[in-house]
Amino acid sequence: MDKARDHRVRVAAIRREEMQDRLLLSAIALASEKSIHEISIEEIIEHAEVSRGTFYKYFNTVPQLFAVLAKKISNEFIIAFDNIIPNIPDAAMRVSVSTRIAIRLMVNTPLLGKLLLQTQWPHPDPEIQAFHGVERDIKLGISQGCFNKMPPAMGVSLVIGSMIGAVSTMLQKLPAKGYEDQVTHHILLGLGVPTKLASELSTLSLPELPPLPMSGILGKIFALTDTNKAIKAKRKK
């Protein structure tokens, strides 16, 4: 009897996750076409082909849905991101390279950047893995003596806050070329890296990125981005 009950519980949990993902993927599809602030519950349930009652079993509002989506994307993103960032032992160089690559990825894939910007910051949820990665690098930099001694949370706020501001600015209007390098330069200065070294690190040639993951929610975002680019290219012909 216990095994049968456990099986039912597992099946129910799987179905619940599948339905939640169905709603999240519908929101992503809609967000690829319009501002997330313009998306309504009616549009999401119509796209997902579910009832309003089903929506409310998982989310109270559209902003709450996008907050959950941002968390899922963030956690998938940091796993994929850790796999494409070279193993750099120097903390200052690692922060520089990872910051510039992250900004470029989010700006080159506007839907990804737009959705990740929905992640609340400062964020009270300790399960956001991206923040742990930055904290790890800040602690390493302090231990190596290349960053000023500070509460690690302060260094995390400096890096994450600056990145959010940079992505938001770059998605609204394209600044001068090398804007992300300038942002990274000032992040390094804020962490205590000498001016000359900060300038050198923020302009280093970046490694070529391997293919991005095409599974999970990230895969859906990249697939939608590729589809939209193909559609726009056809329209221009």
Protein backbone atom coordinates (compact mmCIF):
# COMPACT_ATOMS: atom_id res chain seq x y z
CA MET A 1 0.00 0.00 0.00
CA ASP A 2 2.84 2.37 0.86
CA LYS A 3 4.53 1.69 -2.49
CA ALA A 4 1.27 2.35 -4.35
CA ARG A 5 0.79 5.60 -2.47
CA ASP A 6 4.37 6.68 -3.13
CA HIS A 7 3.89 5.94 -6.85
CA ARG A 8 0.74 8.07 -6.96
CA VAL A 9 2.55 10.91 -5.20
CA ARG A 10 5.43 10.76 -7.69
CA VAL A 11 3.09 10.67 -10.68
CA ALA A 12 1.10 13.61 -9.30
CA ALA A 13 4.32 15.60 -8.76
CA ILE A 14 5.47 14.88 -12.33
CA ARG A 15 2.12 15.93 -13.78
CA ARG A 16 2.13 19.07 -11.69
CA GLU A 17 5.60 20.00 -12.92
CA GLU A 18 4.60 19.27 -16.52
CA MET A 19 1.56 21.53 -16.27
CA GLN A 20 3.59 24.31 -14.66
CA ASP A 21 6.17 24.05 -17.45
CA ARG A 22 3.36 24.17 -20.00
CA LEU A 23 2.23 27.51 -18.59
CA LEU A 24 5.80 28.78 -18.37
CA LEU A 25 6.57 27.82 -21.97
CA SER A 26 3.40 29.55 -23.14
CA ALA A 27 4.54 32.69 -21.34
CA ILE A 28 7.94 32.42 -23.05
CA ALA A 29 6.32 32.11 -26.48
CA LEU A 30 4.21 35.20 -25.83
CA ALA A 31 7.21 37.10 -24.43
CA SER A 32 9.07 36.49 -27.70
CA GLU A 33 6.44 38.59 -29.47
CA LYS A 34 5.55 41.36 -27.00
CA SER A 35 6.53 43.02 -23.74
CA ILE A 36 6.02 40.79 -20.72
CA HIS A 37 4.18 43.69 -19.08
CA GLU A 38 1.50 43.44 -21.76
CA ILE A 39 0.85 39.72 -21.34
CA SER A 40 -2.42 38.77 -19.66
CA ILE A 41 -3.65 35.63 -17.95
CA GLU A 42 -6.17 35.21 -20.77
CA GLU A 43 -3.41 35.09 -23.36
CA ILE A 44 -1.39 32.56 -21.37
CA ILE A 45 -4.29 30.15 -20.77
CA GLU A 46 -5.40 30.45 -24.38
CA HIS A 47 -1.90 29.64 -25.64
CA ALA A 48 -1.52 26.77 -23.14
CA GLU A 49 -5.07 25.58 -23.83
CA VAL A 50 -5.97 25.33 -20.14
CA SER A 51 -8.64 26.85 -17.93
CA ARG A 52 -8.28 29.92 -15.74
CA GLY A 53 -8.71 27.65 -12.74
CA THR A 54 -5.69 25.62 -13.82
CA PHE A 55 -3.61 28.80 -14.01
CA TYR A 56 -4.57 29.75 -10.45
CA LYS A 57 -3.53 26.34 -9.16
CA TYR A 58 0.05 27.32 -9.98
CA PHE A 59 0.24 31.13 -10.02
CA ASN A 60 -1.67 34.03 -8.49
CA THR A 61 -0.61 36.61 -11.07
CA VAL A 62 1.35 36.96 -14.30
CA PRO A 63 4.24 38.72 -12.48
CA GLN A 64 4.47 35.74 -10.10
CA LEU A 65 4.64 33.39 -13.10
CA PHE A 66 7.51 35.39 -14.58
CA ALA A 67 9.28 35.44 -11.21
CA VAL A 68 9.17 31.61 -11.11
CA LEU A 69 10.26 31.50 -14.75
CA ALA A 70 13.20 33.82 -14.05
CA LYS A 71 14.34 31.59 -11.20
CA LYS A 72 14.18 28.45 -13.37
CA ILE A 73 16.04 30.19 -16.20
CA SER A 74 18.65 31.55 -13.82
CA ASN A 75 19.38 28.12 -12.37
CA GLU A 76 19.56 26.49 -15.82
CA PHE A 77 21.67 29.36 -17.09
CA ILE A 78 24.31 29.12 -14.38
CA ILE A 79 24.74 25.35 -14.97
CA ALA A 80 25.23 25.92 -18.70
CA PHE A 81 27.34 29.01 -18.02
CA ASP A 82 29.74 27.18 -15.70
CA ASN A 83 30.31 24.67 -18.50
CA ILE A 84 31.33 27.32 -21.04
CA ILE A 85 33.49 29.48 -18.78
CA PRO A 86 37.15 28.36 -18.84
CA ASN A 87 38.69 27.14 -15.60
CA ILE A 88 40.43 30.39 -14.64
CA PRO A 89 42.24 30.24 -11.28
CA ASP A 90 42.70 34.03 -11.01
CA ALA A 91 39.52 35.46 -9.46
CA ALA A 92 39.81 38.94 -11.00
CA MET A 93 40.25 37.51 -14.49
CA ARG A 94 37.41 35.04 -13.92
CA VAL A 95 35.01 37.80 -12.81
CA SER A 96 36.00 39.88 -15.82
CA VAL A 97 35.55 37.09 -18.37
CA SER A 98 32.35 35.68 -16.87
CA THR A 99 30.75 39.12 -16.49
CA ARG A 100 31.42 40.14 -20.10
CA ILE A 101 30.28 36.81 -21.51
CA ALA A 102 27.10 36.83 -19.39
CA ILE A 103 26.20 40.35 -20.52
CA ARG A 104 26.82 39.51 -24.18
CA LEU A 105 24.76 36.32 -23.98
CA MET A 106 21.80 38.14 -22.47
CA VAL A 107 21.99 41.03 -24.92
CA ASN A 108 22.56 38.82 -27.99
CA THR A 109 19.53 36.77 -26.91
CA PRO A 110 17.14 39.59 -25.94
CA LEU A 111 14.38 37.23 -24.79
CA LEU A 112 16.80 35.62 -22.32
CA GLY A 113 17.94 39.00 -21.05
CA LYS A 114 14.39 40.28 -20.77
CA LEU A 115 13.27 37.25 -18.77
CA LEU A 116 16.32 37.19 -16.48
CA LEU A 117 15.73 40.85 -15.68
CA GLN A 118 12.55 39.70 -13.95
CA THR A 119 14.66 38.09 -11.24
CA GLN A 120 14.16 40.19 -8.13
CA TRP A 121 17.32 41.85 -6.88
CA PRO A 122 18.30 41.78 -4.10
CA HIS A 123 16.70 38.32 -4.06
CA PRO A 124 15.66 36.62 -0.80
CA ASP A 125 15.62 33.11 -2.32
CA PRO A 126 18.85 31.21 -1.55
CA GLU A 127 18.10 28.73 -4.36
CA ILE A 128 19.16 31.17 -7.09
CA GLN A 129 22.38 29.43 -8.11
CA ALA A 130 23.81 32.33 -10.10
CA PHE A 131 24.31 34.34 -6.91
CA HIS A 132 26.26 31.48 -5.32
CA GLY A 133 28.67 31.39 -8.26
CA VAL A 134 29.41 35.10 -7.99
CA GLU A 135 29.81 34.83 -4.21
CA ARG A 136 32.30 31.99 -4.71
CA ASP A 137 34.40 34.17 -7.03
CA ILE A 138 34.25 37.16 -4.65
CA LYS A 139 35.45 35.04 -1.73
CA LEU A 140 38.23 33.61 -3.88
CA GLY A 141 39.32 37.11 -4.94
CA ILE A 142 39.43 38.30 -1.34
CA SER A 143 41.47 35.26 -0.30
CA GLN A 144 43.89 35.85 -3.21
CA GLY A 145 44.30 39.49 -2.20
CA CYS A 146 43.13 40.86 -5.57
CA PHE A 147 39.83 42.19 -4.15
CA ASN A 148 39.38 44.47 -1.16
CA LYS A 149 38.27 42.85 2.07
CA MET A 150 34.50 43.26 2.21
CA PRO A 151 31.38 41.30 3.12
CA PRO A 152 30.98 38.86 0.18
CA ALA A 153 27.35 39.95 -0.19
CA MET A 154 28.57 43.47 -0.94
CA GLY A 155 30.76 42.20 -3.77
CA VAL A 156 27.89 40.11 -5.14
CA SER A 157 25.64 43.17 -5.14
CA LEU A 158 28.27 45.17 -7.00
CA VAL A 159 28.64 42.52 -9.73
CA ILE A 160 25.00 41.46 -10.12
CA GLY A 161 23.58 44.97 -9.76
CA SER A 162 25.97 46.36 -12.38
CA MET A 163 25.20 43.50 -14.77
CA ILE A 164 21.44 44.01 -14.41
CA GLY A 165 21.85 47.71 -15.09
CA ALA A 166 24.06 47.05 -18.12
CA VAL A 167 21.70 44.51 -19.68
CA SER A 168 18.68 46.72 -19.06
CA THR A 169 20.43 49.69 -20.69
CA MET A 170 21.68 47.69 -23.66
CA LEU A 171 18.28 46.12 -24.34
CA GLN A 172 16.55 49.51 -24.30
CA LYS A 173 19.06 51.22 -26.56
CA LEU A 174 22.36 50.02 -27.93
CA PRO A 175 25.14 52.09 -26.30
CA ALA A 176 28.56 52.67 -27.80
CA LYS A 177 30.58 49.57 -28.72
CA GLY A 178 32.40 48.05 -25.77
CA TYR A 179 29.83 49.21 -23.21
CA GLU A 180 29.95 45.86 -21.38
CA ASP A 181 33.75 46.21 -21.17
CA GLN A 182 33.35 49.63 -19.54
CA VAL A 183 30.85 48.21 -17.04
CA THR A 184 33.21 45.34 -16.22
CA HIS A 185 36.10 47.79 -15.80
CA HIS A 186 34.18 49.72 -13.16
CA ILE A 187 33.07 46.52 -11.42
CA LEU A 188 36.72 45.52 -11.06
CA LEU A 189 37.62 48.99 -9.76
CA GLY A 190 34.83 48.71 -7.21
CA LEU A 191 36.17 45.35 -6.06
CA GLY A 192 39.60 46.90 -5.51
CA VAL A 193 41.51 45.92 -8.65
CA PRO A 194 44.15 48.55 -9.63
CA THR A 195 43.14 50.81 -12.53
CA LYS A 196 45.75 49.55 -15.03
CA LEU A 197 45.00 45.88 -14.34
CA ALA A 198 41.22 46.51 -14.44
CA SER A 199 41.64 48.11 -17.86
CA GLU A 200 43.67 45.15 -19.14
CA LEU A 201 41.31 42.51 -17.76
CA SER A 202 38.16 44.19 -19.08
CA THR A 203 39.45 44.21 -22.65
CA LEU A 204 40.95 40.72 -22.88
CA SER A 205 39.93 38.66 -25.93
CA LEU A 206 37.08 36.38 -24.94
CA PRO A 207 37.12 32.63 -25.65
CA GLU A 208 34.90 31.32 -28.42
CA LEU A 209 31.65 30.03 -27.00
CA PRO A 210 30.61 26.42 -27.58
CA PRO A 211 27.06 25.62 -28.79
CA LEU A 212 24.44 26.70 -26.27
CA PRO A 213 22.16 24.07 -24.69
CA MET A 214 19.00 23.22 -26.63
CA SER A 215 17.22 21.39 -23.81
CA GLY A 216 15.08 22.60 -20.93
CA ILE A 217 13.64 26.09 -20.76
CA LEU A 218 16.88 27.62 -22.06
CA GLY A 219 16.60 25.45 -25.16
CA LYS A 220 13.09 26.73 -25.78
CA ILE A 221 14.31 30.32 -25.52
CA PHE A 222 17.21 29.77 -27.92
CA ALA A 223 14.93 27.91 -30.35
CA LEU A 224 12.40 30.76 -30.30
CA THR A 225 15.19 33.28 -30.80
CA ASP A 226 16.54 31.37 -33.82
CA THR A 227 13.03 31.05 -35.28
CA ASN A 228 12.34 34.77 -34.88
CA LYS A 229 15.68 35.65 -36.49
CA ALA A 230 14.86 33.39 -39.44
CA ILE A 231 11.43 35.00 -39.85
CA LYS A 232 12.92 38.51 -39.79
CA ALA A 233 15.59 37.49 -42.31
CA LYS A 234 12.88 36.22 -44.70
CA ARG A 235 10.91 39.43 -44.36
CA LYS A 236 13.96 41.48 -45.34
CA LYS A 237 14.39 39.53 -48.60
